[in-house]
Amino acid sequence: MSFRKAVLTVIVLEILLVAFALVNYGNSLTALQAVTRYSGRLSLVLFSIIFLILPNTQRLSRVLSHKPFMVFAVAHGIHLIELLGYVYLSGNELIPIRLAGGFVAYVLIFAMPVFQLRHERGLITETHFKVALTIYQYYVWFIFFMSYLPRVQGKLPNVGGEYWEFVVLLAWVCMLMGMKLSSLIFKGKSHS
């Protein structure tokens, strides 16, 4: 898929999510909370594609584009704008440790397209790129995990959504790691 088509698809999906929330909740703070939730799930889908397909960059280019990190950064950037808007308008109190963890994740998310471009231009070695890629993948995975774990535990009561949704999403995030580790083990055995 071309980069342009991937980004346009993300934008259209985000617009549809806004429309869906407005239809279901009207022009309200609850609608903005729902849009933020739905947008985060779209980001999880995109991240899942990246996480599962890497290191097969040719296949990732066909499925998501030759700039998958930029596509994800655009989607998660939209999510960030919605999240900041909701937090500001709702007056919800921020939890410092969650804020710090999320900040680091966003730095990695927005830095990874730059790392990819610099690697493609030969400005970053393969080894340095692989280190950045590994940190990016597993840290962002961890942040998704930590987004859903406290929801399942009931520690974030005002986040909106249903308990069963959080269980399903946490299970999916855990399955992602299981699939990733099993593919790495299988790949390691096939090379020995």
Protein backbone atom coordinates (compact mmCIF):
# COMPACT_ATOMS: atom_id res chain seq x y z
CA MET A 1 0.00 0.00 0.00
CA SER A 2 1.27 3.47 -0.74
CA PHE A 3 2.05 5.83 2.12
CA ARG A 4 -0.50 8.35 0.87
CA LYS A 5 -3.24 5.71 0.67
CA ALA A 6 -2.38 4.44 4.16
CA VAL A 7 -2.55 7.93 5.69
CA LEU A 8 -5.79 8.75 3.86
CA THR A 9 -7.26 5.48 5.13
CA VAL A 10 -6.27 6.41 8.70
CA ILE A 11 -7.84 9.87 8.33
CA VAL A 12 -11.07 8.45 6.86
CA LEU A 13 -11.27 5.87 9.66
CA GLU A 14 -10.72 8.60 12.27
CA ILE A 15 -13.52 10.68 10.71
CA LEU A 16 -15.82 7.65 10.74
CA LEU A 17 -14.98 7.08 14.43
CA VAL A 18 -15.93 10.69 15.19
CA ALA A 19 -19.21 10.29 13.28
CA PHE A 20 -19.96 7.01 15.09
CA ALA A 21 -19.35 8.61 18.49
CA LEU A 22 -21.49 11.64 17.62
CA VAL A 23 -24.37 9.43 16.45
CA ASN A 24 -24.20 7.33 19.63
CA TYR A 25 -23.46 10.04 22.21
CA GLY A 26 -24.41 13.35 20.59
CA ASN A 27 -22.24 16.44 20.77
CA SER A 28 -20.95 15.78 24.28
CA LEU A 29 -17.92 15.13 26.42
CA THR A 30 -18.93 11.46 26.43
CA ALA A 31 -18.66 11.47 22.63
CA LEU A 32 -15.14 12.90 22.84
CA GLN A 33 -14.21 10.26 25.40
CA ALA A 34 -15.59 7.56 23.08
CA VAL A 35 -13.70 9.00 20.07
CA THR A 36 -10.51 8.95 22.12
CA ARG A 37 -11.13 5.33 23.10
CA TYR A 38 -11.94 4.24 19.54
CA SER A 39 -8.94 6.10 18.16
CA GLY A 40 -6.67 4.34 20.65
CA ARG A 41 -8.02 1.02 19.42
CA LEU A 42 -7.32 1.98 15.80
CA SER A 43 -3.77 2.78 16.88
CA LEU A 44 -3.57 -0.63 18.56
CA VAL A 45 -4.60 -2.31 15.29
CA LEU A 46 -1.89 -0.44 13.37
CA PHE A 47 0.72 -1.16 16.03
CA SER A 48 -0.30 -4.84 16.03
CA ILE A 49 0.37 -5.03 12.28
CA ILE A 50 3.81 -3.47 12.72
CA PHE A 51 4.65 -5.55 15.78
CA LEU A 52 3.64 -8.87 14.23
CA ILE A 53 5.09 -8.39 10.74
CA LEU A 54 8.49 -6.94 11.70
CA PRO A 55 11.25 -7.70 10.85
CA ASN A 56 9.75 -8.55 7.41
CA THR A 57 9.87 -5.00 6.01
CA GLN A 58 8.87 -6.05 2.48
CA ARG A 59 5.65 -7.60 3.72
CA LEU A 60 5.05 -4.63 6.02
CA SER A 61 5.43 -2.29 3.01
CA ARG A 62 2.75 -4.23 1.14
CA VAL A 63 0.34 -4.27 4.07
CA LEU A 64 0.82 -0.84 5.64
CA SER A 65 3.27 1.14 3.44
CA HIS A 66 7.01 1.62 3.13
CA LYS A 67 6.68 4.15 6.00
CA PRO A 68 4.76 2.12 8.59
CA PHE A 69 6.15 4.08 11.55
CA MET A 70 4.95 7.34 10.02
CA VAL A 71 1.47 5.90 9.40
CA PHE A 72 1.31 4.80 13.04
CA ALA A 73 2.68 8.18 14.21
CA VAL A 74 -0.06 9.99 12.27
CA ALA A 75 -2.77 7.77 13.75
CA HIS A 76 -1.42 8.00 17.28
CA GLY A 77 -0.84 11.75 16.87
CA ILE A 78 -4.55 12.14 16.11
CA HIS A 79 -5.28 10.02 19.17
CA LEU A 80 -3.02 12.28 21.26
CA ILE A 81 -4.88 15.42 20.12
CA GLU A 82 -8.20 13.81 21.02
CA LEU A 83 -6.84 12.60 24.36
CA LEU A 84 -5.45 16.01 25.29
CA GLY A 85 -8.75 17.63 24.30
CA TYR A 86 -10.70 15.20 26.44
CA VAL A 87 -8.39 15.54 29.46
CA TYR A 88 -8.52 19.34 29.22
CA LEU A 89 -12.31 19.56 28.83
CA SER A 90 -13.12 16.89 31.42
CA GLY A 91 -10.76 18.26 34.06
CA ASN A 92 -9.57 14.71 34.82
CA GLU A 93 -6.54 14.53 37.05
CA LEU A 94 -3.43 13.11 35.42
CA ILE A 95 -1.44 10.35 37.11
CA PRO A 96 2.24 11.42 37.00
CA ILE A 97 3.74 7.94 36.43
CA ARG A 98 1.27 7.23 33.61
CA LEU A 99 1.95 10.66 32.14
CA ALA A 100 5.73 10.06 32.17
CA GLY A 101 5.38 6.58 30.64
CA GLY A 102 3.07 7.88 27.92
CA PHE A 103 5.38 10.80 27.19
CA VAL A 104 8.32 8.44 26.58
CA ALA A 105 6.11 6.30 24.32
CA TYR A 106 5.07 9.33 22.26
CA VAL A 107 8.70 10.43 21.93
CA LEU A 108 9.54 6.97 20.57
CA ILE A 109 6.49 6.93 18.29
CA PHE A 110 7.36 10.30 16.77
CA ALA A 111 11.10 9.58 16.63
CA MET A 112 10.84 6.21 14.87
CA PRO A 113 9.90 7.63 11.44
CA VAL A 114 13.00 9.85 11.71
CA PHE A 115 15.16 6.85 12.63
CA GLN A 116 13.75 4.93 9.65
CA LEU A 117 14.48 7.81 7.26
CA ARG A 118 18.00 8.28 8.61
CA HIS A 119 18.62 4.53 8.33
CA GLU A 120 17.40 4.49 4.72
CA ARG A 121 19.78 7.37 3.92
CA GLY A 122 22.71 5.57 5.55
CA LEU A 123 23.00 8.03 8.41
CA ILE A 124 22.30 5.36 11.05
CA THR A 125 23.96 1.96 11.04
CA GLU A 126 21.93 -1.23 10.82
CA THR A 127 22.91 -2.10 14.39
CA HIS A 128 21.77 1.26 15.80
CA PHE A 129 18.53 1.07 13.83
CA LYS A 130 17.81 -2.44 15.15
CA VAL A 131 18.43 -1.26 18.72
CA ALA A 132 16.04 1.68 18.24
CA LEU A 133 13.49 -0.62 16.61
CA THR A 134 13.67 -3.13 19.45
CA ILE A 135 13.28 -0.44 22.13
CA TYR A 136 10.40 1.11 20.17
CA GLN A 137 8.50 -2.14 19.65
CA TYR A 138 8.71 -3.49 23.17
CA TYR A 139 8.25 -0.19 24.98
CA VAL A 140 5.17 0.77 22.94
CA TRP A 141 3.83 -2.78 23.49
CA PHE A 142 4.39 -2.31 27.23
CA ILE A 143 2.46 0.98 27.19
CA PHE A 144 -0.50 -0.70 25.46
CA PHE A 145 -0.31 -3.46 28.08
CA MET A 146 -0.26 -0.89 30.88
CA SER A 147 -3.19 0.93 29.27
CA TYR A 148 -5.48 -2.07 29.63
CA LEU A 149 -4.18 -3.85 32.75
CA PRO A 150 -5.38 -1.19 35.25
CA ARG A 151 -8.71 -1.00 33.43
CA VAL A 152 -9.20 -4.76 33.90
CA GLN A 153 -8.13 -4.38 37.53
CA GLY A 154 -10.73 -1.62 38.02
CA LYS A 155 -8.08 0.96 38.94
CA LEU A 156 -9.23 3.51 36.31
CA PRO A 157 -12.98 3.84 36.91
CA ASN A 158 -13.68 6.94 34.79
CA VAL A 159 -12.17 5.83 31.47
CA GLY A 160 -15.44 4.83 29.81
CA GLY A 161 -16.10 1.61 27.97
CA GLU A 162 -17.17 -1.79 29.20
CA TYR A 163 -15.21 -4.21 31.38
CA TRP A 164 -15.44 -7.00 28.79
CA GLU A 165 -13.83 -4.69 26.20
CA PHE A 166 -10.84 -4.18 28.46
CA VAL A 167 -10.50 -7.92 29.05
CA VAL A 168 -10.56 -8.60 25.31
CA LEU A 169 -8.06 -5.84 24.57
CA LEU A 170 -5.68 -6.92 27.34
CA ALA A 171 -5.93 -10.51 26.11
CA TRP A 172 -5.11 -9.31 22.57
CA VAL A 173 -2.09 -7.33 23.76
CA CYS A 174 -0.85 -10.40 25.67
CA MET A 175 -1.43 -12.59 22.61
CA LEU A 176 0.61 -10.13 20.54
CA MET A 177 3.61 -10.75 22.76
CA GLY A 178 3.03 -14.50 22.67
CA MET A 179 2.88 -14.48 18.87
CA LYS A 180 5.96 -12.26 18.63
CA LEU A 181 8.04 -14.41 20.97
CA SER A 182 6.94 -17.66 19.32
CA SER A 183 7.86 -16.27 15.88
CA LEU A 184 11.29 -15.22 17.20
CA ILE A 185 11.83 -18.66 18.74
CA PHE A 186 10.69 -20.39 15.54
CA LYS A 187 12.93 -18.12 13.44
CA GLY A 188 15.89 -18.82 15.76
CA LYS A 189 15.38 -22.59 15.48
CA SER A 190 15.11 -22.44 11.68
CA HIS A 191 18.45 -20.62 11.45
CA SER A 192 20.32 -23.12 13.66
